[in-house]
């Protein structure tokens, strides 16, 4: 009994690390896309639905959810007016809403038993 409790405690830092790495990679990709393709930033949130889902598949549902929120913040910051979270562009605002409305529930519902790259909640 003690051995299983110790193993669960040892997994907690690995779960936190994989969640952090996955969400950081997702946000980093959003930042790179926003800086490299400023004219296509209104369409980028729709593309990032798939990237967020892939992040959740590889790094766990927590990383996907945090990555979706981080991507939304990055895209909102770089859409006109740049440097503000206020979005004037209507289609970009709608696409950002679709990112949040599709990616977060998809990560939560379709990847429920995956906690990280090598850790699974299934027993």
N, C-alpha and C. Protein backbone atom coordinates (compact mmCIF):
# COMPACT_ATOMS: atom_id res chain seq x y z
N UNK A 1 0.82 -1.20 0.00
CA UNK A 1 0.00 0.00 0.00
C UNK A 1 0.86 1.26 0.00
N UNK A 2 1.89 1.28 0.82
CA UNK A 2 2.78 2.44 0.86
C UNK A 2 3.50 2.65 -0.46
N UNK A 3 3.81 1.55 -1.13
CA UNK A 3 4.54 1.64 -2.38
C UNK A 3 3.72 2.35 -3.46
N UNK A 4 2.41 2.09 -3.54
CA UNK A 4 1.58 2.75 -4.55
C UNK A 4 1.40 4.22 -4.25
N UNK A 5 1.31 4.60 -2.98
CA UNK A 5 1.18 6.01 -2.61
C UNK A 5 2.45 6.75 -2.99
N UNK A 6 3.59 6.14 -2.76
CA UNK A 6 4.86 6.77 -3.10
C UNK A 6 4.99 6.94 -4.61
N UNK A 7 4.51 5.98 -5.36
CA UNK A 7 4.59 6.08 -6.82
C UNK A 7 3.69 7.20 -7.33
N UNK A 8 2.52 7.39 -6.73
CA UNK A 8 1.64 8.48 -7.13
C UNK A 8 2.26 9.83 -6.81
N UNK A 9 2.93 9.91 -5.68
CA UNK A 9 3.60 11.16 -5.31
C UNK A 9 4.77 11.45 -6.23
N UNK A 10 5.42 10.43 -6.72
CA UNK A 10 6.53 10.64 -7.64
C UNK A 10 6.05 11.08 -9.01
N UNK A 11 4.83 10.75 -9.37
CA UNK A 11 4.29 11.13 -10.67
C UNK A 11 3.86 12.59 -10.71
N UNK A 12 3.54 13.18 -9.59
CA UNK A 12 3.02 14.55 -9.57
C UNK A 12 3.97 15.57 -10.20
N UNK A 13 5.27 15.56 -9.89
CA UNK A 13 6.16 16.53 -10.56
C UNK A 13 6.26 16.29 -12.07
N UNK A 14 6.22 15.04 -12.48
CA UNK A 14 6.28 14.73 -13.91
C UNK A 14 5.01 15.21 -14.62
N UNK A 15 3.87 15.07 -13.99
CA UNK A 15 2.62 15.58 -14.56
C UNK A 15 2.67 17.09 -14.69
N UNK A 16 3.14 17.75 -13.67
CA UNK A 16 3.23 19.22 -13.71
C UNK A 16 4.21 19.67 -14.78
N UNK A 17 5.31 18.97 -14.91
CA UNK A 17 6.31 19.33 -15.91
C UNK A 17 5.77 19.14 -17.32
N UNK A 18 5.11 18.03 -17.59
CA UNK A 18 4.57 17.81 -18.93
C UNK A 18 3.45 18.81 -19.25
N UNK A 19 2.66 19.16 -18.27
CA UNK A 19 1.62 20.18 -18.48
C UNK A 19 2.24 21.52 -18.81
N UNK A 20 3.26 21.90 -18.07
CA UNK A 20 3.94 23.17 -18.32
C UNK A 20 4.61 23.20 -19.68
N UNK A 21 5.33 22.13 -20.01
CA UNK A 21 6.04 22.08 -21.30
C UNK A 21 5.06 22.12 -22.46
N UNK A 22 3.98 21.36 -22.37
CA UNK A 22 3.00 21.34 -23.45
C UNK A 22 2.32 22.68 -23.65
N UNK A 23 1.89 23.30 -22.57
CA UNK A 23 1.23 24.60 -22.71
C UNK A 23 2.21 25.67 -23.17
N UNK A 24 3.46 25.60 -22.71
CA UNK A 24 4.48 26.56 -23.15
C UNK A 24 4.75 26.42 -24.65
N UNK A 25 4.85 25.19 -25.15
CA UNK A 25 5.07 24.98 -26.58
C UNK A 25 3.90 25.50 -27.41
N UNK A 26 2.70 25.30 -26.94
CA UNK A 26 1.52 25.77 -27.65
C UNK A 26 1.51 27.31 -27.72
N UNK A 27 1.81 27.96 -26.62
CA UNK A 27 1.84 29.42 -26.59
C UNK A 27 3.01 29.94 -27.42
N UNK A 28 4.14 29.25 -27.38
CA UNK A 28 5.29 29.66 -28.18
C UNK A 28 4.97 29.58 -29.68
N UNK A 29 4.29 28.52 -30.10
CA UNK A 29 3.88 28.41 -31.50
C UNK A 29 2.90 29.52 -31.89
N UNK A 30 2.02 29.88 -30.98
CA UNK A 30 1.08 30.98 -31.26
C UNK A 30 1.83 32.29 -31.39
N UNK A 31 2.81 32.51 -30.55
CA UNK A 31 3.61 33.74 -30.63
C UNK A 31 4.37 33.80 -31.95
N UNK A 32 4.97 32.69 -32.34
CA UNK A 32 5.72 32.65 -33.60
C UNK A 32 4.78 32.89 -34.79
N UNK A 33 3.62 32.27 -34.77
CA UNK A 33 2.65 32.47 -35.85
C UNK A 33 2.17 33.92 -35.90
N UNK A 34 1.95 34.52 -34.75
CA UNK A 34 1.49 35.91 -34.71
C UNK A 34 2.55 36.87 -35.22
N UNK A 35 3.80 36.58 -34.95
CA UNK A 35 4.88 37.46 -35.39
C UNK A 35 5.24 37.24 -36.87
N UNK A 36 5.19 36.00 -37.34
CA UNK A 36 5.58 35.71 -38.72
C UNK A 36 4.48 36.03 -39.73
N UNK A 37 3.23 35.86 -39.35
CA UNK A 37 2.11 36.06 -40.27
C UNK A 37 1.11 37.07 -39.72
N UNK A 38 1.51 38.34 -39.58
CA UNK A 38 0.57 39.31 -39.00
C UNK A 38 -0.66 39.57 -39.86
N UNK A 39 -0.56 39.35 -41.17
CA UNK A 39 -1.72 39.58 -42.03
C UNK A 39 -2.74 38.45 -41.93
N UNK A 40 -2.32 37.27 -41.50
CA UNK A 40 -3.22 36.12 -41.39
C UNK A 40 -3.59 35.81 -39.93
N UNK A 41 -3.40 36.76 -39.05
CA UNK A 41 -3.63 36.48 -37.63
C UNK A 41 -5.11 36.28 -37.33
N UNK A 42 -6.00 36.78 -38.18
CA UNK A 42 -7.43 36.58 -37.93
C UNK A 42 -7.84 35.13 -38.15
N UNK A 43 -7.13 34.40 -39.01
CA UNK A 43 -7.45 33.01 -39.32
C UNK A 43 -6.70 32.05 -38.40
N UNK A 44 -5.63 32.51 -37.79
CA UNK A 44 -4.76 31.66 -36.99
C UNK A 44 -5.48 30.92 -35.85
N UNK A 45 -6.42 31.54 -35.14
CA UNK A 45 -7.08 30.77 -34.07
C UNK A 45 -7.80 29.52 -34.56
N UNK A 46 -8.33 29.56 -35.78
CA UNK A 46 -8.99 28.37 -36.31
C UNK A 46 -7.99 27.25 -36.58
N UNK A 47 -6.80 27.60 -37.03
CA UNK A 47 -5.75 26.62 -37.26
C UNK A 47 -5.25 26.05 -35.94
N UNK A 48 -5.21 26.90 -34.93
CA UNK A 48 -4.67 26.48 -33.65
C UNK A 48 -5.62 25.59 -32.86
N UNK A 49 -6.84 25.40 -33.31
CA UNK A 49 -7.71 24.41 -32.67
C UNK A 49 -7.07 23.03 -32.79
N UNK A 50 -6.57 22.72 -33.97
CA UNK A 50 -5.88 21.44 -34.18
C UNK A 50 -4.58 21.35 -33.41
N UNK A 51 -3.85 22.44 -33.33
CA UNK A 51 -2.57 22.43 -32.60
C UNK A 51 -2.82 22.24 -31.11
N UNK A 52 -3.84 22.88 -30.59
CA UNK A 52 -4.17 22.71 -29.17
C UNK A 52 -4.61 21.28 -28.89
N UNK A 53 -5.40 20.70 -29.80
CA UNK A 53 -5.82 19.32 -29.61
C UNK A 53 -4.63 18.36 -29.67
N UNK A 54 -3.67 18.62 -30.57
CA UNK A 54 -2.46 17.79 -30.63
C UNK A 54 -1.63 17.94 -29.37
N UNK A 55 -1.58 19.14 -28.83
CA UNK A 55 -0.88 19.37 -27.56
C UNK A 55 -1.53 18.58 -26.45
N UNK A 56 -2.85 18.58 -26.42
CA UNK A 56 -3.56 17.81 -25.39
C UNK A 56 -3.32 16.32 -25.57
N UNK A 57 -3.26 15.86 -26.80
CA UNK A 57 -3.02 14.44 -27.06
C UNK A 57 -1.63 14.02 -26.58
N UNK A 58 -0.64 14.88 -26.79
CA UNK A 58 0.74 14.54 -26.42
C UNK A 58 1.06 14.81 -24.95
N UNK A 59 0.55 15.92 -24.42
CA UNK A 59 0.98 16.36 -23.09
C UNK A 59 -0.11 16.32 -22.04
N UNK A 60 -1.32 15.98 -22.41
CA UNK A 60 -2.39 15.87 -21.43
C UNK A 60 -3.43 16.96 -21.60
N UNK A 61 -4.59 16.71 -21.04
CA UNK A 61 -5.70 17.64 -21.20
C UNK A 61 -5.44 18.98 -20.53
N UNK A 62 -4.73 18.98 -19.42
CA UNK A 62 -4.40 20.24 -18.75
C UNK A 62 -3.53 21.14 -19.61
N UNK A 63 -2.58 20.55 -20.30
CA UNK A 63 -1.72 21.33 -21.19
C UNK A 63 -2.52 21.90 -22.35
N UNK A 64 -3.47 21.14 -22.86
CA UNK A 64 -4.30 21.63 -23.95
C UNK A 64 -5.19 22.79 -23.53
N UNK A 65 -5.79 22.67 -22.36
CA UNK A 65 -6.66 23.74 -21.86
C UNK A 65 -5.86 25.00 -21.59
N UNK A 66 -4.73 24.86 -20.89
CA UNK A 66 -3.89 26.03 -20.62
C UNK A 66 -3.30 26.60 -21.91
N UNK A 67 -2.95 25.72 -22.85
CA UNK A 67 -2.44 26.17 -24.13
C UNK A 67 -3.47 26.96 -24.91
N UNK A 68 -4.73 26.53 -24.88
CA UNK A 68 -5.79 27.25 -25.59
C UNK A 68 -5.99 28.65 -24.99
N UNK A 69 -5.96 28.73 -23.69
CA UNK A 69 -6.12 30.04 -23.04
C UNK A 69 -4.93 30.93 -23.36
N UNK A 70 -3.72 30.36 -23.32
CA UNK A 70 -2.53 31.14 -23.64
C UNK A 70 -2.51 31.59 -25.09
N UNK A 71 -2.91 30.71 -26.01
CA UNK A 71 -2.98 31.08 -27.43
C UNK A 71 -3.99 32.21 -27.65
N UNK A 72 -5.12 32.12 -26.97
CA UNK A 72 -6.13 33.17 -27.10
C UNK A 72 -5.58 34.51 -26.62
N UNK A 73 -4.84 34.50 -25.53
CA UNK A 73 -4.24 35.75 -25.04
C UNK A 73 -3.21 36.30 -26.02
N UNK A 74 -2.40 35.42 -26.59
CA UNK A 74 -1.39 35.88 -27.56
C UNK A 74 -2.06 36.47 -28.78
N UNK A 75 -3.05 35.79 -29.33
CA UNK A 75 -3.71 36.29 -30.53
C UNK A 75 -4.47 37.58 -30.24
N UNK A 76 -5.11 37.68 -29.09
CA UNK A 76 -5.83 38.90 -28.73
C UNK A 76 -4.86 40.07 -28.58
N UNK A 77 -3.67 39.81 -28.11
CA UNK A 77 -2.69 40.88 -27.90
C UNK A 77 -2.15 41.41 -29.24
N UNK A 78 -2.01 40.53 -30.23
CA UNK A 78 -1.40 40.95 -31.49
C UNK A 78 -2.39 41.35 -32.58
N UNK A 79 -3.69 41.19 -32.36
CA UNK A 79 -4.70 41.66 -33.32
C UNK A 79 -4.89 43.15 -33.08
N UNK A 80 -5.29 43.88 -34.14
CA UNK A 80 -5.40 45.34 -34.03
C UNK A 80 -6.41 45.73 -32.96
N UNK A 81 -6.17 46.69 -32.17
CA UNK A 81 -4.93 47.44 -32.03
C UNK A 81 -3.87 46.61 -31.31
N UNK A 82 -2.74 46.50 -31.93
CA UNK A 82 -1.66 45.67 -31.38
C UNK A 82 -1.18 46.24 -30.05
N UNK A 83 -0.91 45.36 -29.12
CA UNK A 83 -0.46 45.80 -27.80
C UNK A 83 -1.59 45.97 -26.82
N UNK A 84 -2.80 45.60 -27.21
CA UNK A 84 -3.95 45.73 -26.34
C UNK A 84 -4.78 44.45 -26.46
N UNK A 85 -5.51 44.12 -25.42
CA UNK A 85 -6.38 42.94 -25.47
C UNK A 85 -7.76 43.28 -26.03
N UNK A 86 -7.98 44.54 -26.38
CA UNK A 86 -9.24 44.97 -26.97
C UNK A 86 -9.21 44.63 -28.45
N UNK A 87 -10.18 43.86 -28.92
CA UNK A 87 -10.20 43.42 -30.31
C UNK A 87 -11.26 44.18 -31.08
N UNK A 88 -10.82 44.93 -32.09
CA UNK A 88 -11.73 45.71 -32.92
C UNK A 88 -12.20 44.88 -34.11
N UNK A 89 -11.32 43.99 -34.60
CA UNK A 89 -11.61 43.18 -35.77
C UNK A 89 -12.66 42.11 -35.41
N UNK A 90 -13.84 42.22 -35.98
CA UNK A 90 -14.94 41.31 -35.66
C UNK A 90 -14.69 39.85 -36.03
N UNK A 91 -14.24 39.57 -37.27
CA UNK A 91 -13.97 38.17 -37.61
C UNK A 91 -12.87 37.54 -36.77
N UNK A 92 -11.86 38.31 -36.43
CA UNK A 92 -10.78 37.79 -35.57
C UNK A 92 -11.31 37.48 -34.18
N UNK A 93 -12.20 38.32 -33.69
CA UNK A 93 -12.80 38.08 -32.37
C UNK A 93 -13.67 36.83 -32.39
N UNK A 94 -14.41 36.63 -33.48
CA UNK A 94 -15.24 35.42 -33.61
C UNK A 94 -14.38 34.16 -33.69
N UNK A 95 -13.29 34.22 -34.46
CA UNK A 95 -12.40 33.07 -34.57
C UNK A 95 -11.74 32.75 -33.24
N UNK A 96 -11.42 33.78 -32.48
CA UNK A 96 -10.85 33.56 -31.15
C UNK A 96 -11.86 32.91 -30.21
N UNK A 97 -13.10 33.32 -30.35
CA UNK A 97 -14.16 32.69 -29.54
C UNK A 97 -14.33 31.23 -29.94
N UNK A 98 -14.23 30.92 -31.24
CA UNK A 98 -14.33 29.53 -31.68
C UNK A 98 -13.18 28.70 -31.14
N UNK A 99 -11.99 29.29 -31.10
CA UNK A 99 -10.84 28.59 -30.52
C UNK A 99 -11.14 28.17 -29.09
N UNK A 100 -11.64 29.10 -28.31
CA UNK A 100 -11.92 28.78 -26.91
C UNK A 100 -13.11 27.84 -26.74
N UNK A 101 -14.14 28.02 -27.58
CA UNK A 101 -15.35 27.19 -27.42
C UNK A 101 -15.17 25.77 -27.93
N UNK A 102 -14.24 25.54 -28.84
CA UNK A 102 -14.03 24.20 -29.37
C UNK A 102 -12.86 23.51 -28.69
N UNK A 103 -11.75 24.20 -28.52
CA UNK A 103 -10.52 23.56 -28.03
C UNK A 103 -10.62 23.14 -26.57
N UNK A 104 -11.15 23.98 -25.72
CA UNK A 104 -11.20 23.64 -24.29
C UNK A 104 -12.12 22.45 -24.03
N UNK A 105 -13.37 22.44 -24.53
CA UNK A 105 -14.18 21.24 -24.30
C UNK A 105 -13.62 19.99 -24.98
N UNK A 106 -13.00 20.15 -26.16
CA UNK A 106 -12.43 18.98 -26.84
C UNK A 106 -11.31 18.38 -26.02
N UNK A 107 -10.46 19.23 -25.45
CA UNK A 107 -9.37 18.72 -24.60
C UNK A 107 -9.93 18.04 -23.36
N UNK A 108 -10.98 18.58 -22.83
CA UNK A 108 -11.56 18.03 -21.60
C UNK A 108 -12.33 16.74 -21.87
N UNK A 109 -13.06 16.68 -22.97
CA UNK A 109 -13.93 15.53 -23.22
C UNK A 109 -13.24 14.39 -23.97
N UNK A 110 -12.36 14.69 -24.91
CA UNK A 110 -11.80 13.65 -25.76
C UNK A 110 -10.48 13.09 -25.24
N UNK A 111 -9.83 13.77 -24.30
CA UNK A 111 -8.56 13.28 -23.74
C UNK A 111 -8.71 13.17 -22.22
N UNK A 112 -9.70 12.47 -21.71
CA UNK A 112 -9.90 12.47 -20.26
C UNK A 112 -8.92 11.59 -19.49
N UNK A 113 -8.37 10.56 -20.13
CA UNK A 113 -7.54 9.61 -19.40
C UNK A 113 -6.06 9.81 -19.64
N UNK A 114 -5.68 10.93 -20.20
CA UNK A 114 -4.27 11.16 -20.48
C UNK A 114 -3.79 12.33 -19.63
N UNK A 115 -2.75 12.09 -18.86
CA UNK A 115 -2.24 13.10 -17.96
C UNK A 115 -0.92 13.66 -18.43
N UNK A 116 -0.30 13.08 -19.36
CA UNK A 116 0.99 13.55 -19.82
C UNK A 116 1.52 12.66 -20.93
N UNK A 117 2.74 12.91 -21.30
CA UNK A 117 3.33 12.18 -22.42
C UNK A 117 3.44 10.68 -22.14
N UNK A 118 3.80 10.32 -20.93
CA UNK A 118 3.97 8.90 -20.61
C UNK A 118 3.09 8.46 -19.44
N UNK A 119 2.32 9.36 -18.91
CA UNK A 119 1.50 9.02 -17.75
C UNK A 119 0.04 8.92 -18.17
N UNK A 120 -0.63 7.90 -17.73
CA UNK A 120 -2.04 7.73 -18.02
C UNK A 120 -2.80 7.53 -16.73
N UNK A 121 -3.99 8.06 -16.64
CA UNK A 121 -4.80 7.90 -15.44
C UNK A 121 -5.51 6.55 -15.40
N UNK A 122 -5.55 5.87 -16.53
CA UNK A 122 -6.19 4.56 -16.54
C UNK A 122 -5.40 3.59 -15.67
N UNK A 123 -6.09 2.80 -14.94
CA UNK A 123 -5.43 1.85 -14.04
C UNK A 123 -5.44 0.48 -14.65
